[in-house]
């Protein structure tokens, strides 16, 4: 659980840091805190796993990563935890999930998002995943993105 101050900190940062010379000092001042208190609370939230990190969230399309595909795999159930960890550790995989199959129409249980500047690049990365999965994979497909409809992280509802 978080207290009211932690919630205010998260709410104030969930849309991003202000683009000023001392962003943490500004956020702290806006909340009536010292910068040191804000940084201590952020460190504590991270240590407790409430927040994972504070990082830049680049727009991959504007960086030239215009080919994006959700690769889907039908992986042996007894190996999916082990193999999913390997796939999730690949530097080019941004999201990796195990999901239930929806048989008989959808046999896939492992999902891994891959980005590239071209479909050839994405297909090369897909091939690297296939090589790791080997004979434990019984089938695969890829769903290419055509446009972004919404892209945000989780947002706490701001209390009035």
Foldseek 3Di string as FASTA:
>chain_A
DDDPLLLLLCQVDQVHFDPDPDRLCVSQVVSVHHSVVSVVSVVVCCVVVVDVDHDDDDDVVVVLQQKKKKKFFQFAPVCCVVLQVVLVPPPQWDDWAADDADPPVGRTGIITMGTHNDVVVVVVVVVVSCVSRDPRTPDMDIDIDDDDPDDGDDHDDDDD
